């Protein structure tokens, strides 16, 4: 099985995304700046963005050590996507 920073055959990158690098190093990500902005703007517009909210929460849980990085997190995101 591929590690989080070594993608499987369906996903290739020359360098892992910066958020993944931060998570693997135990550092905070840019999730509040990026996804948090989307959540704020959606709330102002009265628009529900469940996938973005779930992703933001999931990343916060990883940052806080409450969740591990792994492919099983995709099930929760897919459920949020409806």
N, C-alpha and C. Protein backbone atom coordinates (compact mmCIF):
# COMPACT_ATOMS: atom_id res chain seq x y z
N UNK A 1 0.85 -1.18 0.00
CA UNK A 1 0.00 0.00 0.00
C UNK A 1 0.90 1.24 0.00
N UNK A 2 0.48 2.25 -0.72
CA UNK A 2 1.24 3.50 -0.80
C UNK A 2 1.07 4.28 0.50
N UNK A 3 2.15 4.94 0.92
CA UNK A 3 2.04 5.80 2.09
C UNK A 3 1.37 7.10 1.66
N UNK A 4 0.91 7.92 2.62
CA UNK A 4 0.24 9.17 2.23
C UNK A 4 1.06 10.05 1.30
N UNK A 5 2.38 10.06 1.47
CA UNK A 5 3.19 10.92 0.61
C UNK A 5 3.68 10.19 -0.64
N UNK A 6 3.37 8.91 -0.76
CA UNK A 6 3.71 8.15 -1.95
C UNK A 6 2.42 7.65 -2.57
N UNK A 7 1.87 8.38 -3.52
CA UNK A 7 0.56 8.02 -4.07
C UNK A 7 0.56 6.70 -4.81
N UNK A 8 -0.62 6.10 -4.87
CA UNK A 8 -0.79 4.87 -5.64
C UNK A 8 -0.82 5.19 -7.12
N UNK A 9 -1.09 4.19 -7.96
CA UNK A 9 -1.02 4.37 -9.40
C UNK A 9 -2.00 5.41 -9.96
N UNK A 10 -3.10 5.68 -9.26
CA UNK A 10 -4.08 6.63 -9.79
C UNK A 10 -3.70 8.08 -9.54
N UNK A 11 -2.70 8.32 -8.70
CA UNK A 11 -2.35 9.68 -8.33
C UNK A 11 -0.83 9.83 -8.35
N UNK A 12 -0.34 10.80 -9.09
CA UNK A 12 1.10 11.02 -9.19
C UNK A 12 1.39 12.49 -8.97
N UNK A 13 2.46 12.77 -8.24
CA UNK A 13 2.93 14.13 -8.11
C UNK A 13 4.44 14.11 -7.95
N UNK A 14 5.08 15.16 -8.39
CA UNK A 14 6.53 15.23 -8.26
C UNK A 14 6.91 15.62 -6.84
N UNK A 15 5.99 16.30 -6.17
CA UNK A 15 6.20 16.73 -4.80
C UNK A 15 4.83 16.73 -4.11
N UNK A 16 4.74 16.14 -2.91
CA UNK A 16 3.43 16.11 -2.24
C UNK A 16 2.87 17.51 -2.02
N UNK A 17 1.55 17.64 -2.00
CA UNK A 17 0.93 18.95 -1.74
C UNK A 17 1.41 19.52 -0.40
N UNK A 18 1.46 20.84 -0.30
CA UNK A 18 1.99 21.48 0.90
C UNK A 18 1.19 21.14 2.15
N UNK A 19 -0.12 21.00 2.02
CA UNK A 19 -0.93 20.65 3.20
C UNK A 19 -0.57 19.25 3.70
N UNK A 20 -0.36 18.32 2.79
CA UNK A 20 0.04 16.97 3.20
C UNK A 20 1.42 17.01 3.85
N UNK A 21 2.33 17.78 3.28
CA UNK A 21 3.65 17.90 3.90
C UNK A 21 3.54 18.44 5.32
N UNK A 22 2.70 19.46 5.51
CA UNK A 22 2.50 20.03 6.84
C UNK A 22 1.94 18.98 7.81
N UNK A 23 0.91 18.25 7.38
CA UNK A 23 0.31 17.24 8.23
C UNK A 23 1.32 16.17 8.61
N UNK A 24 2.11 15.72 7.66
CA UNK A 24 3.10 14.68 7.94
C UNK A 24 4.19 15.17 8.89
N UNK A 25 4.43 16.46 8.91
CA UNK A 25 5.44 17.03 9.81
C UNK A 25 4.85 17.47 11.15
N UNK A 26 3.53 17.30 11.30
CA UNK A 26 2.88 17.70 12.53
C UNK A 26 2.70 19.20 12.67
N UNK A 27 2.68 19.88 11.56
CA UNK A 27 2.52 21.34 11.54
C UNK A 27 1.11 21.71 11.08
N UNK A 28 0.65 22.90 11.45
CA UNK A 28 -0.66 23.35 10.97
C UNK A 28 -0.65 23.56 9.45
N UNK A 29 -1.79 23.36 8.85
CA UNK A 29 -1.94 23.56 7.41
C UNK A 29 -2.54 24.93 7.13
N UNK A 30 -2.79 25.19 5.86
CA UNK A 30 -3.44 26.44 5.43
C UNK A 30 -4.95 26.27 5.33
N UNK A 31 -5.50 25.22 5.94
CA UNK A 31 -6.92 24.89 5.76
C UNK A 31 -7.84 26.04 6.17
N UNK A 32 -7.50 26.75 7.22
CA UNK A 32 -8.38 27.84 7.65
C UNK A 32 -8.33 29.00 6.67
N UNK A 33 -7.18 29.24 6.09
CA UNK A 33 -7.05 30.31 5.10
C UNK A 33 -7.77 29.95 3.81
N UNK A 34 -7.61 28.72 3.36
CA UNK A 34 -8.19 28.30 2.08
C UNK A 34 -9.65 27.87 2.25
N UNK A 35 -9.88 26.77 2.92
CA UNK A 35 -11.23 26.24 3.06
C UNK A 35 -12.07 27.06 4.02
N UNK A 36 -11.43 27.64 5.02
CA UNK A 36 -12.16 28.48 5.96
C UNK A 36 -12.79 29.68 5.26
N UNK A 37 -12.08 30.22 4.30
CA UNK A 37 -12.62 31.35 3.53
C UNK A 37 -13.87 30.91 2.77
N UNK A 38 -13.82 29.74 2.17
CA UNK A 38 -14.98 29.22 1.44
C UNK A 38 -16.16 29.05 2.40
N UNK A 39 -15.89 28.49 3.59
CA UNK A 39 -16.95 28.32 4.58
C UNK A 39 -17.56 29.65 4.99
N UNK A 40 -16.73 30.66 5.22
CA UNK A 40 -17.23 31.98 5.60
C UNK A 40 -18.10 32.59 4.51
N UNK A 41 -17.62 32.54 3.28
CA UNK A 41 -18.37 33.13 2.17
C UNK A 41 -19.67 32.37 1.92
N UNK A 42 -19.64 31.07 2.05
CA UNK A 42 -20.85 30.27 1.86
C UNK A 42 -21.88 30.60 2.94
N UNK A 43 -21.42 30.76 4.17
CA UNK A 43 -22.33 31.12 5.27
C UNK A 43 -22.97 32.48 5.02
N UNK A 44 -22.18 33.43 4.55
CA UNK A 44 -22.71 34.77 4.25
C UNK A 44 -23.76 34.71 3.15
N UNK A 45 -23.55 33.82 2.19
CA UNK A 45 -24.47 33.71 1.06
C UNK A 45 -25.62 32.74 1.34
N UNK A 46 -25.60 32.08 2.49
CA UNK A 46 -26.65 31.13 2.82
C UNK A 46 -26.56 29.85 2.02
N UNK A 47 -25.35 29.49 1.63
CA UNK A 47 -25.12 28.29 0.82
C UNK A 47 -24.50 27.20 1.69
N UNK A 48 -25.02 25.99 1.58
CA UNK A 48 -24.48 24.85 2.32
C UNK A 48 -23.33 24.24 1.53
N UNK A 49 -22.20 24.04 2.18
CA UNK A 49 -21.03 23.43 1.53
C UNK A 49 -20.55 22.26 2.40
N UNK A 50 -21.31 21.16 2.44
CA UNK A 50 -21.00 20.07 3.36
C UNK A 50 -19.66 19.38 3.10
N UNK A 51 -19.27 19.25 1.86
CA UNK A 51 -17.99 18.60 1.57
C UNK A 51 -16.84 19.46 2.07
N UNK A 52 -16.91 20.75 1.83
CA UNK A 52 -15.86 21.65 2.29
C UNK A 52 -15.81 21.66 3.82
N UNK A 53 -16.97 21.67 4.47
CA UNK A 53 -17.02 21.65 5.93
C UNK A 53 -16.43 20.35 6.48
N UNK A 54 -16.76 19.23 5.85
CA UNK A 54 -16.23 17.94 6.29
C UNK A 54 -14.72 17.87 6.10
N UNK A 55 -14.23 18.36 4.98
CA UNK A 55 -12.79 18.36 4.72
C UNK A 55 -12.05 19.22 5.74
N UNK A 56 -12.58 20.39 6.03
CA UNK A 56 -11.96 21.29 6.99
C UNK A 56 -11.92 20.64 8.38
N UNK A 57 -13.03 20.04 8.79
CA UNK A 57 -13.07 19.36 10.09
C UNK A 57 -12.09 18.19 10.14
N UNK A 58 -12.05 17.40 9.08
CA UNK A 58 -11.16 16.25 9.01
C UNK A 58 -9.70 16.69 9.14
N UNK A 59 -9.32 17.74 8.43
CA UNK A 59 -7.94 18.22 8.50
C UNK A 59 -7.63 18.74 9.90
N UNK A 60 -8.57 19.44 10.52
CA UNK A 60 -8.35 19.90 11.90
C UNK A 60 -8.14 18.71 12.83
N UNK A 61 -8.89 17.65 12.64
CA UNK A 61 -8.75 16.46 13.48
C UNK A 61 -7.37 15.82 13.29
N UNK A 62 -6.87 15.80 12.07
CA UNK A 62 -5.52 15.28 11.83
C UNK A 62 -4.49 16.18 12.50
N UNK A 63 -4.65 17.49 12.34
CA UNK A 63 -3.71 18.44 12.97
C UNK A 63 -3.66 18.25 14.48
N UNK A 64 -4.81 17.95 15.10
CA UNK A 64 -4.90 17.82 16.56
C UNK A 64 -4.56 16.42 17.05
N UNK A 65 -4.19 15.53 16.13
CA UNK A 65 -3.82 14.17 16.52
C UNK A 65 -5.00 13.27 16.83
N UNK A 66 -6.20 13.67 16.46
CA UNK A 66 -7.40 12.88 16.73
C UNK A 66 -7.71 11.90 15.61
N UNK A 67 -7.01 12.03 14.50
CA UNK A 67 -7.27 11.20 13.33
C UNK A 67 -5.94 10.98 12.61
N UNK A 68 -5.80 9.84 12.01
CA UNK A 68 -4.60 9.53 11.24
C UNK A 68 -4.81 9.86 9.77
N UNK A 69 -3.73 10.13 9.07
CA UNK A 69 -3.78 10.32 7.63
C UNK A 69 -3.97 8.93 7.01
N UNK A 70 -4.94 8.79 6.12
CA UNK A 70 -5.12 7.50 5.48
C UNK A 70 -6.29 7.51 4.51
N UNK A 71 -6.32 6.53 3.63
CA UNK A 71 -7.37 6.48 2.61
C UNK A 71 -8.76 6.26 3.18
N UNK A 72 -8.87 5.73 4.40
CA UNK A 72 -10.19 5.50 4.99
C UNK A 72 -10.93 6.82 5.25
N UNK A 73 -10.21 7.93 5.29
CA UNK A 73 -10.87 9.23 5.47
C UNK A 73 -11.73 9.59 4.26
N UNK A 74 -11.45 9.00 3.13
CA UNK A 74 -12.23 9.30 1.92
C UNK A 74 -13.68 8.87 2.06
N UNK A 75 -13.94 7.78 2.79
CA UNK A 75 -15.32 7.33 2.97
C UNK A 75 -16.18 8.42 3.60
N UNK A 76 -15.63 9.08 4.61
CA UNK A 76 -16.38 10.15 5.27
C UNK A 76 -16.59 11.33 4.33
N UNK A 77 -15.58 11.66 3.55
CA UNK A 77 -15.74 12.77 2.60
C UNK A 77 -16.75 12.43 1.52
N UNK A 78 -16.73 11.21 1.04
CA UNK A 78 -17.71 10.80 0.02
C UNK A 78 -19.13 10.84 0.57
N UNK A 79 -19.29 10.46 1.84
CA UNK A 79 -20.62 10.52 2.46
C UNK A 79 -21.08 11.97 2.57
N UNK A 80 -20.16 12.87 2.88
CA UNK A 80 -20.52 14.29 2.98
C UNK A 80 -20.90 14.88 1.62
N UNK A 81 -20.32 14.32 0.56
CA UNK A 81 -20.62 14.80 -0.79
C UNK A 81 -22.02 14.41 -1.22
N UNK A 82 -22.58 13.43 -0.52
CA UNK A 82 -23.96 13.03 -0.80
C UNK A 82 -24.07 12.26 -2.03
